[in-house]
Amino acid sequence: MKAIIVPKNKTGGVVSTTVLGTGALIISVIVLLVVVSTLFSADLFVDARLTNTTVNETQTVSTSGVKFGDNTRHGAVCTLTTAKNGTGGETIGSGNYTVVGCLITATATSEYNNSAWNLDVSTVYDSDSEKYSEDMNTNFTEGIGNISEKIPVILLIVAVVFLFGALVLLMRNANAMGISNQGSL
């Protein structure tokens, strides 16, 4: 037994085509939202993070701070392993600087302020696949937001089209029944 959604003698109607098209669009968007949200909540790309280690990265560190490591990478988390004086080679103690993210700042009391430092750094950052998937998720969410703002206008247009369609059908049926108001004035 075949399931018939639209009877054979009613194919191509404006109302049935609009209703079926809108329903298919709504169902496909819901399925797409479920699939996308499931993929992103599964954290599939966390294992795709990359690490870069740099030895003797030379930076001039001052109280205004300087970025270090691969700080321009998406999702970069920089870890300072060792800081050494660029001229003497002695290790600089952690009391001479502060590290926040990928920014190192010399303390005001540091004897190494505004001098060359050699930094041993490890940076963990997102792979391209993770970056692209996060960007895609952001764009997808913004796109859904933009479309949802336009839904009332779209529904209004569909309602006006249905109203004019109903008027045309009423006028055609009135003419067929001889009820039309031709020449009565």
N, C-alpha and C. Protein backbone atom coordinates (compact mmCIF):
# COMPACT_ATOMS: atom_id res chain seq x y z
N MET A 1 0.84 -1.17 0.00
CA MET A 1 0.00 0.00 0.00
C MET A 1 0.89 1.24 0.00
N LYS A 2 0.66 2.14 -0.92
CA LYS A 2 1.43 3.38 -1.03
C LYS A 2 0.79 4.47 -0.19
N ALA A 3 1.66 5.23 0.47
CA ALA A 3 1.17 6.39 1.21
C ALA A 3 1.07 7.56 0.24
N ILE A 4 -0.10 8.15 0.18
CA ILE A 4 -0.31 9.26 -0.73
C ILE A 4 -0.42 10.54 0.10
N ILE A 5 0.54 11.42 -0.13
CA ILE A 5 0.52 12.69 0.59
C ILE A 5 -0.41 13.67 -0.10
N VAL A 6 -0.30 13.75 -1.41
CA VAL A 6 -1.15 14.64 -2.19
C VAL A 6 -1.89 13.77 -3.21
N PRO A 7 -3.20 13.84 -3.23
CA PRO A 7 -3.95 13.05 -4.22
C PRO A 7 -3.53 13.41 -5.64
N LYS A 8 -3.65 12.43 -6.57
CA LYS A 8 -3.18 12.62 -7.94
C LYS A 8 -3.90 13.75 -8.65
N ASN A 9 -5.15 13.95 -8.34
CA ASN A 9 -5.89 15.00 -9.04
C ASN A 9 -5.67 16.39 -8.42
N LYS A 10 -4.88 16.48 -7.37
CA LYS A 10 -4.63 17.76 -6.70
C LYS A 10 -3.16 18.18 -6.75
N THR A 11 -2.40 17.65 -7.65
CA THR A 11 -0.98 18.01 -7.70
C THR A 11 -0.81 19.40 -8.30
N GLY A 12 0.22 20.09 -7.85
CA GLY A 12 0.57 21.38 -8.43
C GLY A 12 -0.20 22.55 -7.87
N GLY A 13 -1.02 22.34 -6.85
CA GLY A 13 -1.76 23.44 -6.26
C GLY A 13 -0.84 24.35 -5.45
N VAL A 14 -1.16 25.62 -5.46
CA VAL A 14 -0.33 26.60 -4.76
C VAL A 14 -0.32 26.32 -3.26
N VAL A 15 -1.48 26.07 -2.70
CA VAL A 15 -1.57 25.86 -1.26
C VAL A 15 -0.83 24.60 -0.83
N SER A 16 -1.11 23.48 -1.52
CA SER A 16 -0.47 22.23 -1.11
C SER A 16 1.04 22.28 -1.34
N THR A 17 1.49 22.89 -2.42
CA THR A 17 2.92 23.01 -2.67
C THR A 17 3.59 23.88 -1.61
N THR A 18 2.96 24.98 -1.24
CA THR A 18 3.52 25.87 -0.22
C THR A 18 3.58 25.18 1.14
N VAL A 19 2.51 24.49 1.50
CA VAL A 19 2.48 23.79 2.80
C VAL A 19 3.53 22.68 2.83
N LEU A 20 3.61 21.87 1.78
CA LEU A 20 4.58 20.79 1.75
C LEU A 20 6.02 21.33 1.72
N GLY A 21 6.26 22.39 0.96
CA GLY A 21 7.60 22.98 0.91
C GLY A 21 8.01 23.57 2.25
N THR A 22 7.10 24.27 2.90
CA THR A 22 7.40 24.85 4.21
C THR A 22 7.63 23.75 5.23
N GLY A 23 6.82 22.71 5.20
CA GLY A 23 7.02 21.59 6.12
C GLY A 23 8.35 20.90 5.90
N ALA A 24 8.71 20.68 4.64
CA ALA A 24 10.01 20.04 4.35
C ALA A 24 11.16 20.92 4.81
N LEU A 25 11.04 22.22 4.63
CA LEU A 25 12.07 23.15 5.08
C LEU A 25 12.22 23.13 6.59
N ILE A 26 11.11 23.15 7.30
CA ILE A 26 11.16 23.13 8.77
C ILE A 26 11.77 21.83 9.26
N ILE A 27 11.37 20.71 8.69
CA ILE A 27 11.90 19.41 9.12
C ILE A 27 13.40 19.32 8.83
N SER A 28 13.82 19.77 7.66
CA SER A 28 15.25 19.70 7.32
C SER A 28 16.09 20.60 8.22
N VAL A 29 15.58 21.78 8.58
CA VAL A 29 16.31 22.66 9.48
C VAL A 29 16.42 22.04 10.87
N ILE A 30 15.35 21.43 11.35
CA ILE A 30 15.39 20.79 12.67
C ILE A 30 16.39 19.64 12.67
N VAL A 31 16.38 18.81 11.64
CA VAL A 31 17.34 17.70 11.55
C VAL A 31 18.76 18.24 11.49
N LEU A 32 18.98 19.28 10.71
CA LEU A 32 20.31 19.88 10.60
C LEU A 32 20.76 20.46 11.94
N LEU A 33 19.87 21.12 12.66
CA LEU A 33 20.22 21.66 13.98
C LEU A 33 20.60 20.55 14.95
N VAL A 34 19.86 19.45 14.94
CA VAL A 34 20.16 18.34 15.83
C VAL A 34 21.53 17.74 15.50
N VAL A 35 21.79 17.53 14.22
CA VAL A 35 23.08 16.95 13.81
C VAL A 35 24.24 17.87 14.17
N VAL A 36 24.12 19.15 13.86
CA VAL A 36 25.20 20.10 14.14
C VAL A 36 25.44 20.24 15.63
N SER A 37 24.37 20.38 16.43
CA SER A 37 24.56 20.53 17.87
C SER A 37 25.15 19.26 18.48
N THR A 38 24.79 18.10 17.97
CA THR A 38 25.37 16.85 18.47
C THR A 38 26.86 16.77 18.16
N LEU A 39 27.24 17.14 16.94
CA LEU A 39 28.65 17.09 16.56
C LEU A 39 29.49 18.06 17.38
N PHE A 40 28.98 19.26 17.62
CA PHE A 40 29.78 20.25 18.35
C PHE A 40 29.83 19.96 19.84
N SER A 41 28.76 19.38 20.39
CA SER A 41 28.79 19.06 21.81
C SER A 41 29.62 17.80 22.09
N ALA A 42 29.94 17.02 21.06
CA ALA A 42 30.75 15.81 21.24
C ALA A 42 32.24 16.11 21.35
N ASP A 43 32.65 17.36 21.10
CA ASP A 43 34.07 17.75 21.17
C ASP A 43 34.96 16.81 20.36
N LEU A 44 34.59 16.60 19.12
CA LEU A 44 35.34 15.69 18.27
C LEU A 44 36.72 16.22 17.90
N PHE A 45 36.90 17.53 17.95
CA PHE A 45 38.14 18.12 17.47
C PHE A 45 39.13 18.45 18.58
N VAL A 46 38.81 18.13 19.83
CA VAL A 46 39.71 18.45 20.94
C VAL A 46 41.04 17.72 20.78
N ASP A 47 41.01 16.49 20.31
CA ASP A 47 42.24 15.73 20.13
C ASP A 47 43.07 16.25 18.96
N ALA A 48 42.51 17.14 18.16
CA ALA A 48 43.23 17.66 17.00
C ALA A 48 44.03 18.91 17.34
N ARG A 49 44.20 19.21 18.62
CA ARG A 49 44.98 20.38 19.01
C ARG A 49 46.45 20.12 18.74
N LEU A 50 47.14 21.17 18.40
CA LEU A 50 48.54 21.07 18.03
C LEU A 50 49.41 21.76 19.08
N THR A 51 50.66 21.33 19.16
CA THR A 51 51.61 21.91 20.11
C THR A 51 52.86 22.34 19.36
N ASN A 52 53.36 23.51 19.71
CA ASN A 52 54.61 24.00 19.13
C ASN A 52 55.51 24.43 20.29
N THR A 53 56.74 23.95 20.27
CA THR A 53 57.71 24.31 21.30
C THR A 53 58.80 25.16 20.67
N THR A 54 59.09 26.28 21.31
CA THR A 54 60.13 27.19 20.83
C THR A 54 61.18 27.33 21.92
N VAL A 55 62.45 27.18 21.54
CA VAL A 55 63.56 27.33 22.48
C VAL A 55 64.31 28.61 22.12
N ASN A 56 64.64 29.39 23.14
CA ASN A 56 65.40 30.64 22.99
C ASN A 56 64.69 31.65 22.08
N GLU A 57 63.42 31.86 22.31
CA GLU A 57 62.71 32.93 21.62
C GLU A 57 63.13 34.24 22.26
N THR A 58 63.72 35.12 21.49
CA THR A 58 64.25 36.36 22.04
C THR A 58 63.18 37.45 22.00
N GLN A 59 62.91 38.04 23.17
CA GLN A 59 61.94 39.12 23.31
C GLN A 59 62.52 40.20 24.22
N THR A 60 62.19 41.44 23.97
CA THR A 60 62.54 42.52 24.88
C THR A 60 61.36 42.71 25.81
N VAL A 61 61.55 42.32 27.07
CA VAL A 61 60.45 42.32 28.03
C VAL A 61 60.53 43.58 28.89
N SER A 62 59.39 44.26 29.00
CA SER A 62 59.32 45.47 29.82
C SER A 62 58.05 45.45 30.66
N THR A 63 57.81 46.52 31.39
CA THR A 63 56.61 46.59 32.23
C THR A 63 55.34 46.76 31.41
N SER A 64 55.48 47.15 30.14
CA SER A 64 54.28 47.25 29.29
C SER A 64 53.91 45.90 28.68
N GLY A 65 54.79 44.92 28.76
CA GLY A 65 54.49 43.56 28.33
C GLY A 65 54.77 43.32 26.86
N VAL A 66 54.95 42.04 26.52
CA VAL A 66 55.18 41.63 25.15
C VAL A 66 54.56 40.24 24.97
N LYS A 67 53.99 40.01 23.80
CA LYS A 67 53.41 38.70 23.51
C LYS A 67 54.51 37.73 23.11
N PHE A 68 54.31 36.47 23.44
CA PHE A 68 55.30 35.45 23.12
C PHE A 68 54.61 34.19 22.64
N GLY A 69 55.41 33.25 22.11
CA GLY A 69 54.85 31.99 21.61
C GLY A 69 54.07 32.20 20.32
N ASP A 70 53.28 31.21 19.96
CA ASP A 70 52.42 31.31 18.77
C ASP A 70 51.09 31.96 19.17
N ASN A 71 51.17 33.20 19.65
CA ASN A 71 49.99 33.87 20.19
C ASN A 71 48.95 34.22 19.15
N THR A 72 49.30 34.22 17.88
CA THR A 72 48.34 34.56 16.83
C THR A 72 47.49 33.37 16.42
N ARG A 73 47.81 32.19 16.88
CA ARG A 73 47.04 30.99 16.53
C ARG A 73 45.69 31.00 17.23
N HIS A 74 44.72 30.40 16.59
CA HIS A 74 43.36 30.31 17.15
C HIS A 74 43.37 29.43 18.40
N GLY A 75 42.86 29.96 19.51
CA GLY A 75 42.78 29.20 20.75
C GLY A 75 44.12 28.96 21.41
N ALA A 76 45.12 29.83 21.18
CA ALA A 76 46.47 29.61 21.70
C ALA A 76 46.51 29.71 23.22
N VAL A 77 47.18 28.72 23.83
CA VAL A 77 47.47 28.72 25.26
C VAL A 77 48.98 28.57 25.39
N CYS A 78 49.63 29.64 25.86
CA CYS A 78 51.09 29.66 25.93
C CYS A 78 51.55 29.31 27.34
N THR A 79 52.60 28.51 27.41
CA THR A 79 53.20 28.15 28.68
C THR A 79 54.68 28.50 28.63
N LEU A 80 55.12 29.30 29.60
CA LEU A 80 56.53 29.68 29.68
C LEU A 80 57.25 28.63 30.51
N THR A 81 58.24 27.96 29.89
CA THR A 81 59.00 26.93 30.58
C THR A 81 60.17 27.54 31.33
N THR A 82 60.96 28.35 30.63
CA THR A 82 62.14 28.98 31.23
C THR A 82 62.32 30.37 30.65
N ALA A 83 62.80 31.29 31.51
CA ALA A 83 63.16 32.64 31.06
C ALA A 83 64.61 32.87 31.46
N LYS A 84 65.44 33.28 30.48
CA LYS A 84 66.86 33.51 30.75
C LYS A 84 67.23 34.91 30.26
N ASN A 85 68.22 35.48 30.92
CA ASN A 85 68.74 36.77 30.49
C ASN A 85 69.39 36.60 29.13
N GLY A 86 69.08 37.49 28.20
CA GLY A 86 69.58 37.37 26.83
C GLY A 86 71.08 37.63 26.72
N THR A 87 71.64 38.36 27.65
CA THR A 87 73.08 38.66 27.56
C THR A 87 73.91 37.77 28.45
N GLY A 88 73.47 37.55 29.68
CA GLY A 88 74.28 36.76 30.62
C GLY A 88 73.94 35.29 30.65
N GLY A 89 72.73 34.93 30.22
CA GLY A 89 72.34 33.53 30.20
C GLY A 89 71.80 33.00 31.52
N GLU A 90 71.79 33.81 32.59
CA GLU A 90 71.29 33.32 33.87
C GLU A 90 69.75 33.23 33.83
N THR A 91 69.24 32.29 34.60
CA THR A 91 67.79 32.09 34.66
C THR A 91 67.15 33.24 35.42
N ILE A 92 66.05 33.74 34.88
CA ILE A 92 65.32 34.83 35.50
C ILE A 92 64.21 34.23 36.36
N GLY A 93 64.19 34.57 37.63
CA GLY A 93 63.21 34.02 38.56
C GLY A 93 61.80 34.52 38.27
N SER A 94 60.81 33.75 38.67
CA SER A 94 59.41 34.08 38.38
C SER A 94 58.94 35.34 39.11
N GLY A 95 59.67 35.79 40.10
CA GLY A 95 59.31 37.04 40.79
C GLY A 95 59.60 38.27 39.94
N ASN A 96 60.31 38.10 38.83
CA ASN A 96 60.66 39.23 37.97
C ASN A 96 59.66 39.46 36.83
N TYR A 97 58.65 38.63 36.73
CA TYR A 97 57.69 38.76 35.63
C TYR A 97 56.36 38.13 36.01
N THR A 98 55.34 38.48 35.23
CA THR A 98 54.03 37.84 35.32
C THR A 98 53.63 37.39 33.92
N VAL A 99 52.93 36.28 33.86
CA VAL A 99 52.46 35.74 32.58
C VAL A 99 50.94 35.62 32.65
N VAL A 100 50.28 36.24 31.68
CA VAL A 100 48.83 36.12 31.54
C VAL A 100 48.56 35.73 30.10
N GLY A 101 48.09 34.51 29.90
CA GLY A 101 47.86 34.02 28.54
C GLY A 101 49.19 33.94 27.80
N CYS A 102 49.31 34.67 26.73
CA CYS A 102 50.55 34.71 25.94
C CYS A 102 51.24 36.06 26.07
N LEU A 103 51.06 36.72 27.20
CA LEU A 103 51.66 38.03 27.45
C LEU A 103 52.55 37.94 28.67
N ILE A 104 53.82 38.32 28.51
CA ILE A 104 54.74 38.34 29.63
C ILE A 104 55.08 39.80 29.94
N THR A 105 55.03 40.14 31.22
CA THR A 105 55.27 41.51 31.66
C THR A 105 56.31 41.48 32.77
N ALA A 106 57.32 42.31 32.64
CA ALA A 106 58.34 42.42 33.69
C ALA A 106 57.75 43.20 34.86
N THR A 107 58.08 42.79 36.08
CA THR A 107 57.63 43.55 37.25
C THR A 107 58.43 44.84 37.33
N ALA A 108 57.87 45.83 38.01
CA ALA A 108 58.51 47.14 38.10
C ALA A 108 59.85 47.07 38.84
N THR A 109 59.99 46.09 39.71
CA THR A 109 61.22 45.98 40.50
C THR A 109 62.24 45.04 39.87
N SER A 110 61.95 44.49 38.70
CA SER A 110 62.84 43.53 38.07
C SER A 110 64.11 44.20 37.56
N GLU A 111 65.25 43.60 37.87
CA GLU A 111 66.52 44.11 37.36
C GLU A 111 66.69 43.83 35.87
N TYR A 112 65.83 42.96 35.32
CA TYR A 112 65.91 42.60 33.90
C TYR A 112 64.88 43.37 33.06
N ASN A 113 64.24 44.38 33.65
CA ASN A 113 63.22 45.16 32.95
C ASN A 113 63.81 45.83 31.71
N ASN A 114 63.06 45.76 30.61
CA ASN A 114 63.44 46.39 29.34
C ASN A 114 64.77 45.86 28.80
N SER A 115 64.96 44.56 28.92
CA SER A 115 66.17 43.94 28.38
C SER A 115 65.77 42.71 27.56
N ALA A 116 66.76 42.15 26.85
CA ALA A 116 66.50 40.97 26.02
C ALA A 116 66.43 39.73 26.89
N TRP A 117 65.37 38.94 26.66
CA TRP A 117 65.17 37.68 27.37
C TRP A 117 65.12 36.57 26.34
N ASN A 118 65.61 35.40 26.72
CA ASN A 118 65.47 34.20 25.91
C ASN A 118 64.42 33.32 26.60
N LEU A 119 63.33 33.05 25.88
CA LEU A 119 62.20 32.33 26.46
C LEU A 119 62.09 30.95 25.83
N ASP A 120 61.90 29.95 26.69
CA ASP A 120 61.54 28.61 26.22
C ASP A 120 60.03 28.49 26.41
N VAL A 121 59.32 28.28 25.31
CA VAL A 121 57.86 28.39 25.30
C VAL A 121 57.23 27.15 24.68
N SER A 122 56.08 26.77 25.20
CA SER A 122 55.26 25.73 24.61
C SER A 122 53.88 26.32 24.36
N THR A 123 53.38 26.18 23.14
CA THR A 123 52.06 26.73 22.79
C THR A 123 51.17 25.61 22.29
N VAL A 124 50.00 25.49 22.90
CA VAL A 124 48.98 24.55 22.44
C VAL A 124 47.90 25.39 21.77
N TYR A 125 47.51 25.00 20.54
CA TYR A 125 46.51 25.77 19.81
C TYR A 125 45.62 24.84 19.01
N ASP A 126 44.49 25.40 18.56
CA ASP A 126 43.50 24.63 17.81
C ASP A 126 44.02 24.31 16.42
N SER A 127 43.70 23.12 15.96
CA SER A 127 44.04 22.76 14.58
C SER A 127 43.10 23.52 13.64
N ASP A 128 43.43 23.51 12.37
CA ASP A 128 42.59 24.19 11.40
C ASP A 128 41.19 23.61 11.36
N SER A 129 41.07 22.29 11.51
CA SER A 129 39.75 21.66 11.46
C SER A 129 38.88 22.13 12.62
N GLU A 130 39.47 22.28 13.81
CA GLU A 130 38.70 22.77 14.95
C GLU A 130 38.30 24.24 14.74
N LYS A 131 39.23 25.03 14.24
CA LYS A 131 38.94 26.45 13.99
C LYS A 131 37.82 26.59 12.97
N TYR A 132 37.91 25.84 11.88
CA TYR A 132 36.89 25.93 10.83
C TYR A 132 35.53 25.46 11.34
N SER A 133 35.52 24.41 12.16
CA SER A 133 34.24 23.92 12.67
C SER A 133 33.63 24.92 13.63
N GLU A 134 34.44 25.57 14.47
CA GLU A 134 33.90 26.60 15.36
C GLU A 134 33.38 27.80 14.58
N ASP A 135 34.12 28.20 13.54
CA ASP A 135 33.66 29.31 12.70
C ASP A 135 32.37 28.94 11.98
N MET A 136 32.28 27.70 11.50
CA MET A 136 31.07 27.26 10.82
C MET A 136 29.88 27.26 11.77
N ASN A 137 30.10 26.81 13.01
CA ASN A 137 29.04 26.79 14.00
C ASN A 137 28.57 28.22 14.29
N THR A 138 29.51 29.15 14.42
CA THR A 138 29.15 30.55 14.67
C THR A 138 28.35 31.12 13.51
N ASN A 139 28.82 30.88 12.29
CA ASN A 139 28.11 31.39 11.11
C ASN A 139 26.73 30.76 10.97
N PHE A 140 26.63 29.47 11.27
CA PHE A 140 25.36 28.77 11.19
C PHE A 140 24.36 29.37 12.18
N THR A 141 24.83 29.61 13.40
CA THR A 141 23.96 30.18 14.44
C THR A 141 23.51 31.58 14.05
N GLU A 142 24.43 32.40 13.54
CA GLU A 142 24.07 33.75 13.10
C GLU A 142 23.09 33.70 11.93
N GLY A 143 23.27 32.75 11.03
CA GLY A 143 22.37 32.61 9.89
C GLY A 143 20.96 32.24 10.33
N ILE A 144 20.86 31.32 11.28
CA ILE A 144 19.54 30.95 11.81
C ILE A 144 18.89 32.17 12.47
N GLY A 145 19.69 32.96 13.19
CA GLY A 145 19.17 34.17 13.82
C GLY A 145 18.66 35.17 12.80
N ASN A 146 19.40 35.34 11.70
CA ASN A 146 18.98 36.27 10.66
C ASN A 146 17.69 35.82 9.99
N ILE A 147 17.59 34.52 9.73
CA ILE A 147 16.38 33.99 9.08
C ILE A 147 15.18 34.10 10.02
N SER A 148 15.39 33.80 11.31
CA SER A 148 14.27 33.83 12.24
C SER A 148 13.70 35.23 12.40
N GLU A 149 14.52 36.26 12.18
CA GLU A 149 14.01 37.63 12.23
C GLU A 149 13.07 37.91 11.06
N LYS A 150 13.24 37.19 9.97
CA LYS A 150 12.45 37.45 8.77
C LYS A 150 11.21 36.56 8.66
N ILE A 151 11.03 35.62 9.57
CA ILE A 151 9.90 34.69 9.50
C ILE A 151 8.55 35.41 9.53
N PRO A 152 8.33 36.41 10.40
CA PRO A 152 7.02 37.08 10.36
C PRO A 152 6.72 37.71 9.00
N VAL A 153 7.70 38.29 8.35
CA VAL A 153 7.48 38.90 7.03
C VAL A 153 7.15 37.82 6.01
N ILE A 154 7.88 36.71 6.06
CA ILE A 154 7.63 35.61 5.13
C ILE A 154 6.21 35.06 5.32
N LEU A 155 5.79 34.87 6.57
CA LEU A 155 4.44 34.36 6.84
C LEU A 155 3.37 35.36 6.39
N LEU A 156 3.66 36.65 6.54
CA LEU A 156 2.71 37.67 6.08
C LEU A 156 2.55 37.60 4.56
N ILE A 157 3.66 37.45 3.84
CA ILE A 157 3.59 37.35 2.38
C ILE A 157 2.81 36.12 1.96
N VAL A 158 3.06 34.98 2.62
CA VAL A 158 2.33 33.75 2.30
C VAL A 158 0.85 33.94 2.57
N ALA A 159 0.50 34.60 3.68
CA ALA A 159 -0.91 34.84 4.00
C ALA A 159 -1.58 35.71 2.95
N VAL A 160 -0.89 36.74 2.47
CA VAL A 160 -1.46 37.62 1.43
C VAL A 160 -1.65 36.84 0.13
N VAL A 161 -0.68 36.01 -0.23
CA VAL A 161 -0.81 35.19 -1.44
C VAL A 161 -2.01 34.25 -1.31
N PHE A 162 -2.17 33.61 -0.14
CA PHE A 162 -3.33 32.73 0.06
C PHE A 162 -4.64 33.52 -0.01
N LEU A 163 -4.66 34.72 0.55
CA LEU A 163 -5.87 35.54 0.53
C LEU A 163 -6.26 35.89 -0.90
N PHE A 164 -5.27 36.34 -1.70
CA PHE A 164 -5.57 36.65 -3.10
C PHE A 164 -5.98 35.39 -3.86
N GLY A 165 -5.37 34.28 -3.56
CA GLY A 165 -5.75 33.02 -4.20
C GLY A 165 -7.18 32.64 -3.87
N ALA A 166 -7.57 32.82 -2.61
CA ALA A 166 -8.95 32.51 -2.20
C ALA A 166 -9.94 33.45 -2.89
N LEU A 167 -9.58 34.74 -3.01
CA LEU A 167 -10.46 35.68 -3.71
C LEU A 167 -10.64 35.30 -5.18
N VAL A 168 -9.56 34.90 -5.83
CA VAL A 168 -9.65 34.49 -7.23
C VAL A 168 -10.54 33.26 -7.37
N LEU A 169 -10.38 32.29 -6.47
CA LEU A 169 -11.23 31.09 -6.52
C LEU A 169 -12.70 31.44 -6.29
N LEU A 170 -12.96 32.34 -5.34
CA LEU A 170 -14.35 32.74 -5.07
C LEU A 170 -14.96 33.44 -6.27
N MET A 171 -14.18 34.32 -6.90
CA MET A 171 -14.70 35.02 -8.07
C MET A 171 -14.95 34.05 -9.24
N ARG A 172 -14.04 33.10 -9.42
CA ARG A 172 -14.22 32.13 -10.51
C ARG A 172 -15.44 31.26 -10.25
N ASN A 173 -15.64 30.82 -9.02
CA ASN A 173 -16.81 29.98 -8.70
C ASN A 173 -18.10 30.80 -8.80
N ALA A 174 -18.04 32.08 -8.41
CA ALA A 174 -19.23 32.93 -8.52
C ALA A 174 -19.61 33.12 -9.98
N ASN A 175 -18.61 33.31 -10.85
CA ASN A 175 -18.89 33.44 -12.29
C ASN A 175 -19.46 32.15 -12.86
N ALA A 176 -18.95 31.02 -12.42
CA ALA A 176 -19.42 29.73 -12.91
C ALA A 176 -20.87 29.48 -12.49
N MET A 177 -21.26 29.99 -11.34
CA MET A 177 -22.62 29.79 -10.84
C MET A 177 -23.57 30.87 -11.34
N GLY A 178 -23.04 31.86 -12.01
CA GLY A 178 -23.90 32.93 -12.54
C GLY A 178 -24.28 33.94 -11.48
N ILE A 179 -23.53 34.04 -10.41
CA ILE A 179 -23.84 34.97 -9.34
C ILE A 179 -23.09 36.28 -9.50
N SER A 180 -22.29 36.39 -10.52
CA SER A 180 -21.44 37.57 -10.65
C SER A 180 -22.29 38.82 -10.82
N ASN A 181 -21.71 39.94 -10.59
CA ASN A 181 -22.39 41.21 -10.59
C ASN A 181 -22.07 41.99 -11.85
N GLN A 182 -22.28 41.37 -13.02
CA GLN A 182 -21.91 42.02 -14.28
C GLN A 182 -23.04 42.92 -14.76
N GLY A 183 -22.73 44.16 -14.94
CA GLY A 183 -23.66 45.10 -15.55
C GLY A 183 -24.86 45.45 -14.71
N SER A 184 -24.85 45.34 -13.42
CA SER A 184 -26.01 45.66 -12.60
C SER A 184 -26.13 47.15 -12.34
N LEU A 185 -25.10 47.91 -12.63
CA LEU A 185 -25.20 49.35 -12.39
C LEU A 185 -25.70 50.07 -13.57
